[in-house]
Amino acid sequence: MDRARVRERRREAMADHSYGVIRDKTLKLTVTSIFMAMNIVLSLSAFSVPVPGGHIYFCDVLINTAAMLLDPLSAFVVGGIGSFLGDFFFYPAPMFVSLVAHGLQAVVVSLVMRKGKGRPGPAGLGVILGSVIMVFVYTLGRAYVYATPEVAIIKLPFECLQAGIGAAGSLMLVFPLHLKDMFFRSMNR
């Protein structure tokens, strides 16, 4: 086959599939597992920035990126269960809060991204909505887990900063750096 024909078949394959679907179940499981393992590793304090009341973690970049590339269930596994396991291994007090906060964040980002058919505008909206949900759930969860709203209030600006870094970083990876295009090209060969 000549190159023009190969490019045309790839374009048809990209236009034909519904956004965010990996048809090969083994490949889908493998990609989800790799993203989840990366999330667990990013839960280490070694990959964080210490701030008053805790740390800023960079797992939000990964969670948002995975949610933009995967279906909602896989996104929940990466975001919710990956964060739960990361907290379970390294700092278990807020692990259930992380399950809910990052799980909801990932599902919302994935659903909005799929509804917007992978365009940057809806993706940005989904990432912002997911970040707001994550900050809100973490703030309520911290007040409950640590039995004092003061701890939640101290951490709130840093939680917003973490969400902002996660949103900006993931949107830069997926759109200007063309991670989405490379990802789906390699998944649908």
Protein backbone atom coordinates (compact mmCIF):
# COMPACT_ATOMS: atom_id res chain seq x y z
CA MET A 1 0.00 0.00 0.00
CA ASP A 2 1.20 3.49 -0.67
CA ARG A 3 1.59 6.05 2.11
CA ALA A 4 -1.44 8.15 1.14
CA ARG A 5 -3.68 5.10 1.36
CA VAL A 6 -2.25 4.13 4.78
CA ARG A 7 -2.84 7.67 6.08
CA GLU A 8 -6.40 7.60 4.76
CA ARG A 9 -7.11 4.26 6.48
CA ARG A 10 -5.74 5.65 9.77
CA ARG A 11 -7.94 8.74 9.46
CA GLU A 12 -10.97 6.54 8.80
CA ALA A 13 -10.13 4.36 11.80
CA MET A 14 -9.79 7.43 14.02
CA ALA A 15 -13.07 8.91 12.76
CA ASP A 16 -14.85 5.57 12.93
CA HIS A 17 -14.21 4.67 16.58
CA SER A 18 -16.13 6.30 19.37
CA TYR A 19 -13.84 8.55 21.38
CA GLY A 20 -11.74 6.93 24.08
CA VAL A 21 -12.47 3.31 23.17
CA ILE A 22 -9.69 0.76 23.10
CA ARG A 23 -11.18 -2.31 21.43
CA ASP A 24 -8.54 -4.86 22.45
CA LYS A 25 -9.41 -5.87 26.03
CA THR A 26 -5.90 -7.03 26.87
CA LEU A 27 -4.42 -3.76 25.65
CA LYS A 28 -7.05 -1.78 27.59
CA LEU A 29 -6.26 -3.70 30.80
CA THR A 30 -2.52 -3.22 30.27
CA VAL A 31 -2.76 0.53 29.62
CA THR A 32 -5.09 1.01 32.61
CA SER A 33 -2.71 -0.97 34.84
CA ILE A 34 0.30 1.05 33.73
CA PHE A 35 -1.51 4.33 34.42
CA MET A 36 -2.63 3.01 37.81
CA ALA A 37 0.91 1.92 38.72
CA MET A 38 2.21 5.36 37.74
CA ASN A 39 -0.44 6.94 39.98
CA ILE A 40 0.64 4.78 42.92
CA VAL A 41 4.29 5.73 42.38
CA LEU A 42 3.39 9.44 42.17
CA SER A 43 1.75 9.06 45.61
CA LEU A 44 5.20 8.71 47.15
CA SER A 45 6.36 11.68 49.18
CA ALA A 46 9.60 11.59 47.19
CA PHE A 47 7.66 12.94 44.18
CA SER A 48 5.89 15.73 46.06
CA VAL A 49 6.49 19.25 47.29
CA PRO A 50 6.13 19.79 51.06
CA VAL A 51 3.70 22.56 52.05
CA PRO A 52 2.06 23.55 55.36
CA GLY A 53 -0.41 20.82 56.24
CA GLY A 54 0.94 18.18 53.85
CA HIS A 55 2.34 17.87 50.33
CA ILE A 56 1.48 18.86 46.77
CA TYR A 57 1.35 15.71 44.66
CA PHE A 58 1.64 15.57 40.89
CA CYS A 59 -0.71 12.64 40.47
CA ASP A 60 -3.45 15.02 39.25
CA VAL A 61 -1.54 15.51 36.00
CA LEU A 62 -1.59 11.76 35.47
CA ILE A 63 -5.21 11.29 36.59
CA ASN A 64 -6.51 14.02 34.27
CA THR A 65 -4.40 12.76 31.38
CA ALA A 66 -5.56 9.18 31.82
CA ALA A 67 -9.17 10.32 32.17
CA MET A 68 -8.94 12.23 28.89
CA LEU A 69 -7.58 9.16 27.12
CA LEU A 70 -9.60 6.32 28.70
CA ASP A 71 -13.25 5.42 29.17
CA PRO A 72 -14.94 6.38 32.49
CA LEU A 73 -14.56 2.97 34.16
CA SER A 74 -10.85 2.74 33.34
CA ALA A 75 -10.44 6.36 34.41
CA PHE A 76 -12.05 5.53 37.77
CA VAL A 77 -9.67 2.59 38.21
CA VAL A 78 -6.66 4.81 37.48
CA GLY A 79 -7.82 7.81 39.51
CA GLY A 80 -9.83 6.34 42.35
CA ILE A 81 -8.36 2.91 42.97
CA GLY A 82 -4.82 4.02 42.08
CA SER A 83 -4.99 6.89 44.59
CA PHE A 84 -6.60 4.61 47.18
CA LEU A 85 -3.75 2.11 46.84
CA GLY A 86 -1.11 4.85 46.87
CA ASP A 87 -2.51 6.17 50.14
CA PHE A 88 -2.93 2.64 51.50
CA PHE A 89 0.77 1.90 50.97
CA PHE A 90 2.24 5.28 51.95
CA TYR A 91 -0.24 7.24 54.11
CA PRO A 92 -3.49 5.38 54.90
CA ALA A 93 -5.50 8.02 56.82
CA PRO A 94 -7.15 9.70 53.78
CA MET A 95 -7.32 6.66 51.48
CA PHE A 96 -11.13 6.54 51.28
CA VAL A 97 -11.27 10.29 50.68
CA SER A 98 -8.79 9.81 47.82
CA LEU A 99 -10.89 6.99 46.37
CA VAL A 100 -13.96 9.22 46.18
CA ALA A 101 -12.23 12.50 45.27
CA HIS A 102 -9.95 11.22 42.51
CA GLY A 103 -12.45 8.62 41.35
CA LEU A 104 -15.15 11.25 40.79
CA GLN A 105 -12.60 13.60 39.26
CA ALA A 106 -11.52 10.99 36.71
CA VAL A 107 -15.06 9.93 35.81
CA VAL A 108 -16.22 13.52 35.28
CA VAL A 109 -13.20 14.39 33.12
CA SER A 110 -13.66 11.22 31.05
CA LEU A 111 -17.41 11.70 30.57
CA VAL A 112 -17.11 15.36 29.52
CA MET A 113 -14.19 14.54 27.21
CA ARG A 114 -16.17 11.76 25.53
CA LYS A 115 -19.26 13.95 25.22
CA GLY A 116 -17.13 16.65 23.57
CA LYS A 117 -15.58 14.07 21.20
CA GLY A 118 -12.04 14.86 22.34
CA ARG A 119 -12.01 18.55 21.47
CA PRO A 120 -9.91 20.93 23.62
CA GLY A 121 -12.80 23.17 24.78
CA PRO A 122 -14.90 20.43 26.36
CA ALA A 123 -11.72 18.80 27.68
CA GLY A 124 -10.81 22.01 29.49
CA LEU A 125 -14.31 22.23 30.93
CA GLY A 126 -14.14 18.60 32.09
CA VAL A 127 -10.74 19.11 33.72
CA ILE A 128 -11.98 22.23 35.53
CA LEU A 129 -15.13 20.45 36.74
CA GLY A 130 -13.10 17.44 37.86
CA SER A 131 -10.63 19.67 39.69
CA VAL A 132 -13.40 21.56 41.50
CA ILE A 133 -14.98 18.26 42.56
CA MET A 134 -11.63 16.93 43.77
CA VAL A 135 -10.89 20.06 45.83
CA PHE A 136 -14.39 20.08 47.33
CA VAL A 137 -14.36 16.39 48.28
CA TYR A 138 -10.83 16.61 49.72
CA THR A 139 -11.75 19.66 51.78
CA LEU A 140 -14.81 17.94 53.25
CA GLY A 141 -12.90 14.69 53.70
CA ARG A 142 -10.01 16.33 55.51
CA ALA A 143 -12.40 18.06 57.90
CA TYR A 144 -13.91 14.65 58.66
CA VAL A 145 -10.72 12.53 58.76
CA TYR A 146 -8.78 14.96 60.93
CA ALA A 147 -11.90 16.01 62.92
CA THR A 148 -11.16 19.69 62.51
CA PRO A 149 -12.16 22.11 59.74
CA GLU A 150 -9.07 24.19 60.46
CA VAL A 151 -6.81 21.55 58.88
CA ALA A 152 -8.98 21.55 55.77
CA ILE A 153 -8.88 25.34 55.55
CA ILE A 154 -5.07 25.43 55.94
CA LYS A 155 -4.65 22.95 53.11
CA LEU A 156 -7.30 24.49 50.77
CA PRO A 157 -5.03 26.95 48.87
CA PHE A 158 -2.45 24.22 48.30
CA GLU A 159 -5.17 21.82 47.16
CA CYS A 160 -6.30 24.44 44.64
CA LEU A 161 -2.68 24.86 43.50
CA GLN A 162 -2.34 21.08 43.07
CA ALA A 163 -5.56 20.99 41.06
CA GLY A 164 -4.38 23.88 38.88
CA ILE A 165 -1.02 22.25 38.19
CA GLY A 166 -2.79 18.99 37.37
CA ALA A 167 -5.24 20.69 35.02
CA ALA A 168 -2.64 22.77 33.18
CA GLY A 169 -0.12 19.95 32.96
CA SER A 170 -2.57 17.40 31.62
CA LEU A 171 -4.11 19.76 29.06
CA MET A 172 -0.61 20.66 27.81
CA LEU A 173 0.34 17.00 27.48
CA VAL A 174 -2.82 15.94 25.70
CA PHE A 175 -3.31 18.81 23.23
CA PRO A 176 -0.24 20.98 22.43
CA LEU A 177 2.13 18.02 22.81
CA HIS A 178 -0.28 15.77 20.84
CA LEU A 179 -0.30 12.91 23.35
CA LYS A 180 -3.93 12.15 22.45
CA ASP A 181 -3.10 11.70 18.76
CA MET A 182 -0.06 9.53 19.47
CA PHE A 183 -1.98 7.48 22.03
CA PHE A 184 -4.92 6.63 19.77
CA ARG A 185 -2.67 6.06 16.76
CA SER A 186 -0.70 3.46 18.71
CA MET A 187 -3.81 1.89 20.27
CA ASN A 188 -5.64 1.41 16.97
CA ARG A 189 -2.95 -0.08 14.76
